[in-house]
Each structure stands twice: as C-alpha cells, then as structure tokens.
Amino acid sequence: MAAAAQVIDITYQQMENFAGNVLEVEDHRGLPTVAMSSAAHAAFTPEQRATLLEHCADIHHTPIPTLEAVGGGSVRCCIAELH
C-alpha cells in the first residue's frame, strides 16, 4: 500500500462517466480509501481498479445517477475537503 504515486490514464468515455471525479478519504481506521460513484467504478477497468487498490485500503462507491445527470457533479462534489 505504500507504493509511489502513480498516474492512471482515463479515456474520454471514462471521464464522461465521472472516473476523474473520485476522492481519497480516510476510513474509520485511518486508512486511505477511494470514494466514487458507481458509474465511475463501472467505468474503470479491472486493471485500473487494481492499481487504485495498490495505493489505498478499499474503494467505496454508490449510485448517484440523478446528481450526475442533473447536477453535473459526482461524489467528489458531495464531500467537503478539509486541509
């Protein structure tokens, strides 16, 4: 899990399915976890999801089709980032 940073290239189709709208958060154990919509999760290839899992403890996704269709945003837009 402590692998060096890595870029995951996404296609325009994946981008249109919100694969670029993901956010790393911390789970209840303090471990890094990636949050995304179910559309984004489905858009990633199995290899891309495996690469994400090399850098985090888990991937969590939820369906939010109304927000994505009407609001134009996705999971990242629903989570406040505190720095």
PDB file of N, CA and C in Angstrom:
ATOM      1  N   MET A   1       0.812  -1.193   0.000  1.00  0.00           N
ATOM      2  CA  MET A   1       0.000   0.000   0.000  1.00  0.00           C
ATOM      3  C   MET A   1       0.857   1.260   0.000  1.00  0.00           C
ATOM      4  N   ALA A   2       2.105   1.194   0.321  1.00  0.00           N
ATOM      5  CA  ALA A   2       2.950   2.381   0.384  1.00  0.00           C
ATOM      6  C   ALA A   2       3.700   2.602  -0.921  1.00  0.00           C
ATOM      7  N   ALA A   3       3.122   2.190  -2.021  1.00  0.00           N
ATOM      8  CA  ALA A   3       3.757   2.349  -3.328  1.00  0.00           C
ATOM      9  C   ALA A   3       3.837   3.823  -3.703  1.00  0.00           C
ATOM     10  N   ALA A   4       4.773   4.153  -4.580  1.00  0.00           N
ATOM     11  CA  ALA A   4       4.932   5.530  -5.046  1.00  0.00           C
ATOM     12  C   ALA A   4       3.698   5.976  -5.803  1.00  0.00           C
ATOM     13  N   ALA A   5       3.521   7.291  -5.890  1.00  0.00           N
ATOM     14  CA  ALA A   5       2.377   7.847  -6.628  1.00  0.00           C
ATOM     15  C   ALA A   5       2.396   7.346  -8.067  1.00  0.00           C
ATOM     16  N   GLN A   6       1.220   7.204  -8.632  1.00  0.00           N
ATOM     17  CA  GLN A   6       1.098   6.665  -9.978  1.00  0.00           C
ATOM     18  C   GLN A   6      -0.080   7.337 -10.679  1.00  0.00           C
ATOM     19  N   VAL A   7       0.097   7.649 -11.948  1.00  0.00           N
ATOM     20  CA  VAL A   7      -0.966   8.241 -12.749  1.00  0.00           C
ATOM     21  C   VAL A   7      -1.753   7.125 -13.421  1.00  0.00           C
ATOM     22  N   ILE A   8      -3.068   7.219 -13.350  1.00  0.00           N
ATOM     23  CA  ILE A   8      -3.937   6.285 -14.054  1.00  0.00           C
ATOM     24  C   ILE A   8      -4.585   7.070 -15.185  1.00  0.00           C
ATOM     25  N   ASP A   9      -4.184   6.781 -16.401  1.00  0.00           N
ATOM     26  CA  ASP A   9      -4.779   7.442 -17.557  1.00  0.00           C
ATOM     27  C   ASP A   9      -6.209   6.961 -17.739  1.00  0.00           C
ATOM     28  N   ILE A  10      -7.116   7.909 -18.033  1.00  0.00           N
ATOM     29  CA  ILE A  10      -8.502   7.548 -18.316  1.00  0.00           C
ATOM     30  C   ILE A  10      -8.878   8.066 -19.702  1.00  0.00           C
ATOM     31  N   THR A  11      -9.830   7.400 -20.316  1.00  0.00           N
ATOM     32  CA  THR A  11     -10.301   7.793 -21.639  1.00  0.00           C
ATOM     33  C   THR A  11     -11.364   8.886 -21.498  1.00  0.00           C
ATOM     34  N   TYR A  12     -11.722   9.497 -22.612  1.00  0.00           N
ATOM     35  CA  TYR A  12     -12.801  10.481 -22.591  1.00  0.00           C
ATOM     36  C   TYR A  12     -14.116   9.841 -22.139  1.00  0.00           C
ATOM     37  N   GLN A  13     -14.365   8.612 -22.570  1.00  0.00           N
ATOM     38  CA  GLN A  13     -15.591   7.931 -22.144  1.00  0.00           C
ATOM     39  C   GLN A  13     -15.590   7.709 -20.634  1.00  0.00           C
ATOM     40  N   GLN A  14     -14.449   7.329 -20.077  1.00  0.00           N
ATOM     41  CA  GLN A  14     -14.359   7.169 -18.625  1.00  0.00           C
ATOM     42  C   GLN A  14     -14.558   8.514 -17.930  1.00  0.00           C
ATOM     43  N   MET A  15     -13.988   9.564 -18.510  1.00  0.00           N
ATOM     44  CA  MET A  15     -14.157  10.898 -17.944  1.00  0.00           C
ATOM     45  C   MET A  15     -15.637  11.284 -17.939  1.00  0.00           C
ATOM     46  N   GLU A  16     -16.347  10.993 -19.024  1.00  0.00           N
ATOM     47  CA  GLU A  16     -17.772  11.303 -19.103  1.00  0.00           C
ATOM     48  C   GLU A  16     -18.591  10.502 -18.094  1.00  0.00           C
ATOM     49  N   ASN A  17     -18.029   9.408 -17.609  1.00  0.00           N
ATOM     50  CA  ASN A  17     -18.688   8.582 -16.592  1.00  0.00           C
ATOM     51  C   ASN A  17     -18.107   8.835 -15.204  1.00  0.00           C
ATOM     52  N   PHE A  18     -17.467  10.001 -15.035  1.00  0.00           N
ATOM     53  CA  PHE A  18     -17.020  10.518 -13.746  1.00  0.00           C
ATOM     54  C   PHE A  18     -15.837   9.770 -13.123  1.00  0.00           C
ATOM     55  N   ALA A  19     -15.055   9.062 -13.939  1.00  0.00           N
ATOM     56  CA  ALA A  19     -13.871   8.384 -13.413  1.00  0.00           C
ATOM     57  C   ALA A  19     -12.814   9.378 -12.935  1.00  0.00           C
ATOM     58  N   GLY A  20     -12.889  10.610 -13.398  1.00  0.00           N
ATOM     59  CA  GLY A  20     -11.962  11.639 -12.929  1.00  0.00           C
ATOM     60  C   GLY A  20     -12.477  12.382 -11.709  1.00  0.00           C
ATOM     61  N   ASN A  21     -13.641  12.015 -11.229  1.00  0.00           N
ATOM     62  CA  ASN A  21     -14.277  12.708 -10.115  1.00  0.00           C
ATOM     63  C   ASN A  21     -14.325  11.788  -8.899  1.00  0.00           C
ATOM     64  N   VAL A  22     -13.141  11.369  -8.457  1.00  0.00           N
ATOM     65  CA  VAL A  22     -13.016  10.500  -7.291  1.00  0.00           C
ATOM     66  C   VAL A  22     -12.212  11.247  -6.228  1.00  0.00           C
ATOM     67  N   LEU A  23     -12.277  10.770  -5.014  1.00  0.00           N
ATOM     68  CA  LEU A  23     -11.585  11.450  -3.926  1.00  0.00           C
ATOM     69  C   LEU A  23     -11.043  10.422  -2.944  1.00  0.00           C
ATOM     70  N   GLU A  24      -9.807  10.631  -2.537  1.00  0.00           N
ATOM     71  CA  GLU A  24      -9.246   9.790  -1.479  1.00  0.00           C
ATOM     72  C   GLU A  24      -9.660  10.371  -0.141  1.00  0.00           C
ATOM     73  N   VAL A  25     -10.221   9.528   0.693  1.00  0.00           N
ATOM     74  CA  VAL A  25     -10.634   9.914   2.040  1.00  0.00           C
ATOM     75  C   VAL A  25     -10.015   8.931   3.030  1.00  0.00           C
ATOM     76  N   GLU A  26     -10.211   9.192   4.305  1.00  0.00           N
ATOM     77  CA  GLU A  26      -9.692   8.311   5.344  1.00  0.00           C
ATOM     78  C   GLU A  26     -10.853   7.528   5.941  1.00  0.00           C
ATOM     79  N   ASP A  27     -10.684   6.210   6.085  1.00  0.00           N
ATOM     80  CA  ASP A  27     -11.767   5.416   6.675  1.00  0.00           C
ATOM     81  C   ASP A  27     -11.690   5.480   8.198  1.00  0.00           C
ATOM     82  N   HIS A  28     -12.575   4.760   8.851  1.00  0.00           N
ATOM     83  CA  HIS A  28     -12.650   4.802  10.318  1.00  0.00           C
ATOM     84  C   HIS A  28     -11.391   4.275  11.003  1.00  0.00           C
ATOM     85  N   ARG A  29     -10.552   3.562  10.251  1.00  0.00           N
ATOM     86  CA  ARG A  29      -9.285   3.061  10.815  1.00  0.00           C
ATOM     87  C   ARG A  29      -8.125   4.003  10.534  1.00  0.00           C
ATOM     88  N   GLY A  30      -8.406   5.075   9.799  1.00  0.00           N
ATOM     89  CA  GLY A  30      -7.352   5.999   9.432  1.00  0.00           C
ATOM     90  C   GLY A  30      -6.615   5.606   8.163  1.00  0.00           C
ATOM     91  N   LEU A  31      -7.167   4.638   7.422  1.00  0.00           N
ATOM     92  CA  LEU A  31      -6.537   4.166   6.189  1.00  0.00           C
ATOM     93  C   LEU A  31      -7.100   4.905   4.982  1.00  0.00           C
ATOM     94  N   PRO A  32      -6.282   5.117   3.956  1.00  0.00           N
ATOM     95  CA  PRO A  32      -6.777   5.784   2.752  1.00  0.00           C
ATOM     96  C   PRO A  32      -7.765   4.904   1.999  1.00  0.00           C
ATOM     97  N   THR A  33      -8.859   5.525   1.567  1.00  0.00           N
ATOM     98  CA  THR A  33      -9.929   4.849   0.841  1.00  0.00           C
ATOM     99  C   THR A  33     -10.353   5.760  -0.304  1.00  0.00           C
ATOM    100  N   VAL A  34     -10.710   5.192  -1.433  1.00  0.00           N
ATOM    101  CA  VAL A  34     -11.162   5.993  -2.563  1.00  0.00           C
ATOM    102  C   VAL A  34     -12.688   5.949  -2.612  1.00  0.00           C
ATOM    103  N   ALA A  35     -13.299   7.151  -2.687  1.00  0.00           N
ATOM    104  CA  ALA A  35     -14.751   7.275  -2.801  1.00  0.00           C
ATOM    105  C   ALA A  35     -15.083   7.698  -4.232  1.00  0.00           C
ATOM    106  N   MET A  36     -16.110   7.063  -4.804  1.00  0.00           N
ATOM    107  CA  MET A  36     -16.531   7.387  -6.170  1.00  0.00           C
ATOM    108  C   MET A  36     -17.974   6.939  -6.369  1.00  0.00           C
ATOM    109  N   SER A  37     -18.559   7.378  -7.462  1.00  0.00           N
ATOM    110  CA  SER A  37     -19.909   6.923  -7.801  1.00  0.00           C
ATOM    111  C   SER A  37     -19.830   5.524  -8.414  1.00  0.00           C
ATOM    112  N   SER A  38     -20.954   4.862  -8.458  1.00  0.00           N
ATOM    113  CA  SER A  38     -20.997   3.547  -9.098  1.00  0.00           C
ATOM    114  C   SER A  38     -20.734   3.652 -10.597  1.00  0.00           C
ATOM    115  N   ALA A  39     -21.133   4.772 -11.207  1.00  0.00           N
ATOM    116  CA  ALA A  39     -20.843   4.976 -12.635  1.00  0.00           C
ATOM    117  C   ALA A  39     -19.342   5.050 -12.860  1.00  0.00           C
ATOM    118  N   ALA A  40     -18.643   5.779 -12.007  1.00  0.00           N
ATOM    119  CA  ALA A  40     -17.184   5.869 -12.114  1.00  0.00           C
ATOM    120  C   ALA A  40     -16.558   4.497 -11.893  1.00  0.00           C
ATOM    121  N   HIS A  41     -17.024   3.779 -10.888  1.00  0.00           N
ATOM    122  CA  HIS A  41     -16.487   2.454 -10.586  1.00  0.00           C
ATOM    123  C   HIS A  41     -16.633   1.525 -11.786  1.00  0.00           C
ATOM    124  N   ALA A  42     -17.803   1.546 -12.406  1.00  0.00           N
ATOM    125  CA  ALA A  42     -18.047   0.692 -13.575  1.00  0.00           C
ATOM    126  C   ALA A  42     -17.210   1.125 -14.769  1.00  0.00           C
ATOM    127  N   ALA A  43     -16.869   2.410 -14.838  1.00  0.00           N
ATOM    128  CA  ALA A  43     -16.090   2.920 -15.974  1.00  0.00           C
ATOM    129  C   ALA A  43     -14.623   2.511 -15.900  1.00  0.00           C
ATOM    130  N   PHE A  44     -14.095   2.327 -14.707  1.00  0.00           N
ATOM    131  CA  PHE A  44     -12.706   1.887 -14.565  1.00  0.00           C
ATOM    132  C   PHE A  44     -12.577   0.434 -15.018  1.00  0.00           C
ATOM    133  N   THR A  45     -11.461   0.116 -15.630  1.00  0.00           N
ATOM    134  CA  THR A  45     -11.193  -1.275 -15.988  1.00  0.00           C
ATOM    135  C   THR A  45     -10.780  -2.035 -14.728  1.00  0.00           C
ATOM    136  N   PRO A  46     -10.872  -3.355 -14.748  1.00  0.00           N
ATOM    137  CA  PRO A  46     -10.396  -4.122 -13.594  1.00  0.00           C
ATOM    138  C   PRO A  46      -8.925  -3.815 -13.265  1.00  0.00           C
ATOM    139  N   GLU A  47      -8.121  -3.601 -14.280  1.00  0.00           N
ATOM    140  CA  GLU A  47      -6.705  -3.287 -14.055  1.00  0.00           C
ATOM    141  C   GLU A  47      -6.548  -1.933 -13.370  1.00  0.00           C
ATOM    142  N   GLN A  48      -7.348  -0.958 -13.772  1.00  0.00           N
ATOM    143  CA  GLN A  48      -7.284   0.362 -13.141  1.00  0.00           C
ATOM    144  C   GLN A  48      -7.735   0.291 -11.683  1.00  0.00           C
ATOM    145  N   ARG A  49      -8.786  -0.485 -11.415  1.00  0.00           N
ATOM    146  CA  ARG A  49      -9.230  -0.642 -10.023  1.00  0.00           C
ATOM    147  C   ARG A  49      -8.153  -1.343  -9.196  1.00  0.00           C
ATOM    148  N   ALA A  50      -7.470  -2.309  -9.782  1.00  0.00           N
ATOM    149  CA  ALA A  50      -6.382  -2.992  -9.073  1.00  0.00           C
ATOM    150  C   ALA A  50      -5.253  -2.015  -8.755  1.00  0.00           C
ATOM    151  N   THR A  51      -4.964  -1.126  -9.680  1.00  0.00           N
ATOM    152  CA  THR A  51      -3.928  -0.119  -9.440  1.00  0.00           C
ATOM    153  C   THR A  51      -4.342   0.807  -8.305  1.00  0.00           C
ATOM    154  N   LEU A  52      -5.601   1.225  -8.290  1.00  0.00           N
ATOM    155  CA  LEU A  52      -6.079   2.046  -7.176  1.00  0.00           C
ATOM    156  C   LEU A  52      -5.896   1.325  -5.849  1.00  0.00           C
ATOM    157  N   LEU A  53      -6.202   0.035  -5.840  1.00  0.00           N
ATOM    158  CA  LEU A  53      -6.095  -0.741  -4.596  1.00  0.00           C
ATOM    159  C   LEU A  53      -4.652  -0.965  -4.147  1.00  0.00           C
ATOM    160  N   GLU A  54      -3.694  -0.715  -5.034  1.00  0.00           N
ATOM    161  CA  GLU A  54      -2.287  -0.764  -4.625  1.00  0.00           C
ATOM    162  C   GLU A  54      -1.937   0.441  -3.752  1.00  0.00           C
ATOM    163  N   HIS A  55      -2.777   1.479  -3.807  1.00  0.00           N
ATOM    164  CA  HIS A  55      -2.487   2.736  -3.126  1.00  0.00           C
ATOM    165  C   HIS A  55      -3.474   3.073  -2.016  1.00  0.00           C
ATOM    166  N   CYS A  56      -4.482   2.235  -1.815  1.00  0.00           N
ATOM    167  CA  CYS A  56      -5.462   2.504  -0.774  1.00  0.00           C
ATOM    168  C   CYS A  56      -5.981   1.184  -0.214  1.00  0.00           C
ATOM    169  N   ALA A  57      -6.665   1.292   0.908  1.00  0.00           N
ATOM    170  CA  ALA A  57      -7.176   0.097   1.580  1.00  0.00           C
ATOM    171  C   ALA A  57      -8.435  -0.452   0.922  1.00  0.00           C
ATOM    172  N   ASP A  58      -9.240   0.430   0.305  1.00  0.00           N
ATOM    173  CA  ASP A  58     -10.514  -0.016  -0.255  1.00  0.00           C
ATOM    174  C   ASP A  58     -11.050   1.026  -1.231  1.00  0.00           C
ATOM    175  N   ILE A  59     -12.043   0.630  -1.994  1.00  0.00           N
ATOM    176  CA  ILE A  59     -12.775   1.520  -2.888  1.00  0.00           C
ATOM    177  C   ILE A  59     -14.237   1.447  -2.475  1.00  0.00           C
ATOM    178  N   HIS A  60     -14.845   2.598  -2.228  1.00  0.00           N
ATOM    179  CA  HIS A  60     -16.262   2.650  -1.894  1.00  0.00           C
ATOM    180  C   HIS A  60     -16.987   3.418  -2.987  1.00  0.00           C
ATOM    181  N   HIS A  61     -18.120   2.870  -3.436  1.00  0.00           N
ATOM    182  CA  HIS A  61     -18.897   3.559  -4.472  1.00  0.00           C
ATOM    183  C   HIS A  61     -20.373   3.431  -4.173  1.00  0.00           C
ATOM    184  N   THR A  62     -21.124   4.392  -4.692  1.00  0.00           N
ATOM    185  CA  THR A  62     -22.575   4.401  -4.503  1.00  0.00           C
ATOM    186  C   THR A  62     -23.234   4.978  -5.759  1.00  0.00           C
ATOM    187  N   PRO A  63     -24.417   4.494  -6.096  1.00  0.00           N
ATOM    188  CA  PRO A  63     -25.112   5.040  -7.274  1.00  0.00           C
ATOM    189  C   PRO A  63     -25.703   6.417  -6.954  1.00  0.00           C
ATOM    190  N   ILE A  64     -25.396   7.396  -7.781  1.00  0.00           N
ATOM    191  CA  ILE A  64     -25.989   8.732  -7.651  1.00  0.00           C
ATOM    192  C   ILE A  64     -26.339   9.272  -9.043  1.00  0.00           C
ATOM    193  N   PRO A  65     -27.169   8.536  -9.800  1.00  0.00           N
ATOM    194  CA  PRO A  65     -27.445   8.924 -11.187  1.00  0.00           C
ATOM    195  C   PRO A  65     -28.136  10.276 -11.338  1.00  0.00           C
ATOM    196  N   THR A  66     -29.003  10.642 -10.402  1.00  0.00           N
ATOM    197  CA  THR A  66     -29.703  11.924 -10.526  1.00  0.00           C
ATOM    198  C   THR A  66     -28.728  13.080 -10.391  1.00  0.00           C
ATOM    199  N   LEU A  67     -27.856  13.031  -9.407  1.00  0.00           N
ATOM    200  CA  LEU A  67     -26.861  14.085  -9.231  1.00  0.00           C
ATOM    201  C   LEU A  67     -25.964  14.192 -10.459  1.00  0.00           C
ATOM    202  N   GLU A  68     -25.545  13.055 -10.994  1.00  0.00           N
ATOM    203  CA  GLU A  68     -24.654  13.076 -12.151  1.00  0.00           C
ATOM    204  C   GLU A  68     -25.373  13.573 -13.410  1.00  0.00           C
ATOM    205  N   ALA A  69     -26.630  13.197 -13.585  1.00  0.00           N
ATOM    206  CA  ALA A  69     -27.366  13.598 -14.792  1.00  0.00           C
ATOM    207  C   ALA A  69     -27.856  15.039 -14.725  1.00  0.00           C
ATOM    208  N   VAL A  70     -28.357  15.447 -13.569  1.00  0.00           N
ATOM    209  CA  VAL A  70     -28.970  16.766 -13.442  1.00  0.00           C
ATOM    210  C   VAL A  70     -27.975  17.799 -12.913  1.00  0.00           C
ATOM    211  N   GLY A  71     -27.203  17.393 -11.911  1.00  0.00           N
ATOM    212  CA  GLY A  71     -26.287  18.338 -11.272  1.00  0.00           C
ATOM    213  C   GLY A  71     -24.961  18.485 -11.975  1.00  0.00           C
ATOM    214  N   GLY A  72     -24.588  17.486 -12.761  1.00  0.00           N
ATOM    215  CA  GLY A  72     -23.324  17.548 -13.482  1.00  0.00           C
ATOM    216  C   GLY A  72     -22.105  17.241 -12.638  1.00  0.00           C
ATOM    217  N   GLY A  73     -22.310  16.861 -11.388  1.00  0.00           N
ATOM    218  CA  GLY A  73     -21.206  16.527 -10.497  1.00  0.00           C
ATOM    219  C   GLY A  73     -21.286  15.086 -10.078  1.00  0.00           C
ATOM    220  N   SER A  74     -20.400  14.718  -9.183  1.00  0.00           N
ATOM    221  CA  SER A  74     -20.379  13.341  -8.715  1.00  0.00           C
ATOM    222  C   SER A  74     -19.969  13.318  -7.247  1.00  0.00           C
ATOM    223  N   VAL A  75     -19.457  12.184  -6.783  1.00  0.00           N
ATOM    224  CA  VAL A  75     -19.150  12.004  -5.363  1.00  0.00           C
ATOM    225  C   VAL A  75     -18.199  13.065  -4.831  1.00  0.00           C
ATOM    226  N   ARG A  76     -17.163  13.390  -5.596  1.00  0.00           N
ATOM    227  CA  ARG A  76     -16.201  14.376  -5.116  1.00  0.00           C
ATOM    228  C   ARG A  76     -16.865  15.705  -4.790  1.00  0.00           C
ATOM    229  N   CYS A  77     -17.906  16.044  -5.521  1.00  0.00           N
ATOM    230  CA  CYS A  77     -18.619  17.304  -5.306  1.00  0.00           C
ATOM    231  C   CYS A  77     -19.487  17.262  -4.047  1.00  0.00           C
ATOM    232  N   CYS A  78     -19.717  16.086  -3.504  1.00  0.00           N
ATOM    233  CA  CYS A  78     -20.584  15.918  -2.325  1.00  0.00           C
ATOM    234  C   CYS A  78     -19.803  15.865  -1.019  1.00  0.00           C
ATOM    235  N   ILE A  79     -18.485  15.860  -1.116  1.00  0.00           N
ATOM    236  CA  ILE A  79     -17.657  15.691   0.089  1.00  0.00           C
ATOM    237  C   ILE A  79     -16.833  16.942   0.290  1.00  0.00           C
ATOM    238  N   ALA A  80     -16.901  17.482   1.514  1.00  0.00           N
ATOM    239  CA  ALA A  80     -16.099  18.660   1.848  1.00  0.00           C
ATOM    240  C   ALA A  80     -14.668  18.223   2.113  1.00  0.00           C
ATOM    241  N   GLU A  81     -13.725  18.927   1.534  1.00  0.00           N
ATOM    242  CA  GLU A  81     -12.308  18.638   1.764  1.00  0.00           C
ATOM    243  C   GLU A  81     -11.781  19.593   2.829  1.00  0.00           C
ATOM    244  N   LEU A  82     -11.231  19.042   3.891  1.00  0.00           N
ATOM    245  CA  LEU A  82     -10.645  19.833   4.972  1.00  0.00           C
ATOM    246  C   LEU A  82      -9.133  19.645   4.915  1.00  0.00           C
ATOM    247  N   HIS A  83      -8.432  20.748   4.782  1.00  0.00           N
ATOM    248  CA  HIS A  83      -6.965  20.672   4.689  1.00  0.00           C
ATOM    249  C   HIS A  83      -6.338  21.323   5.895  1.00  0.00           C
TER     250      HIS A  83
END
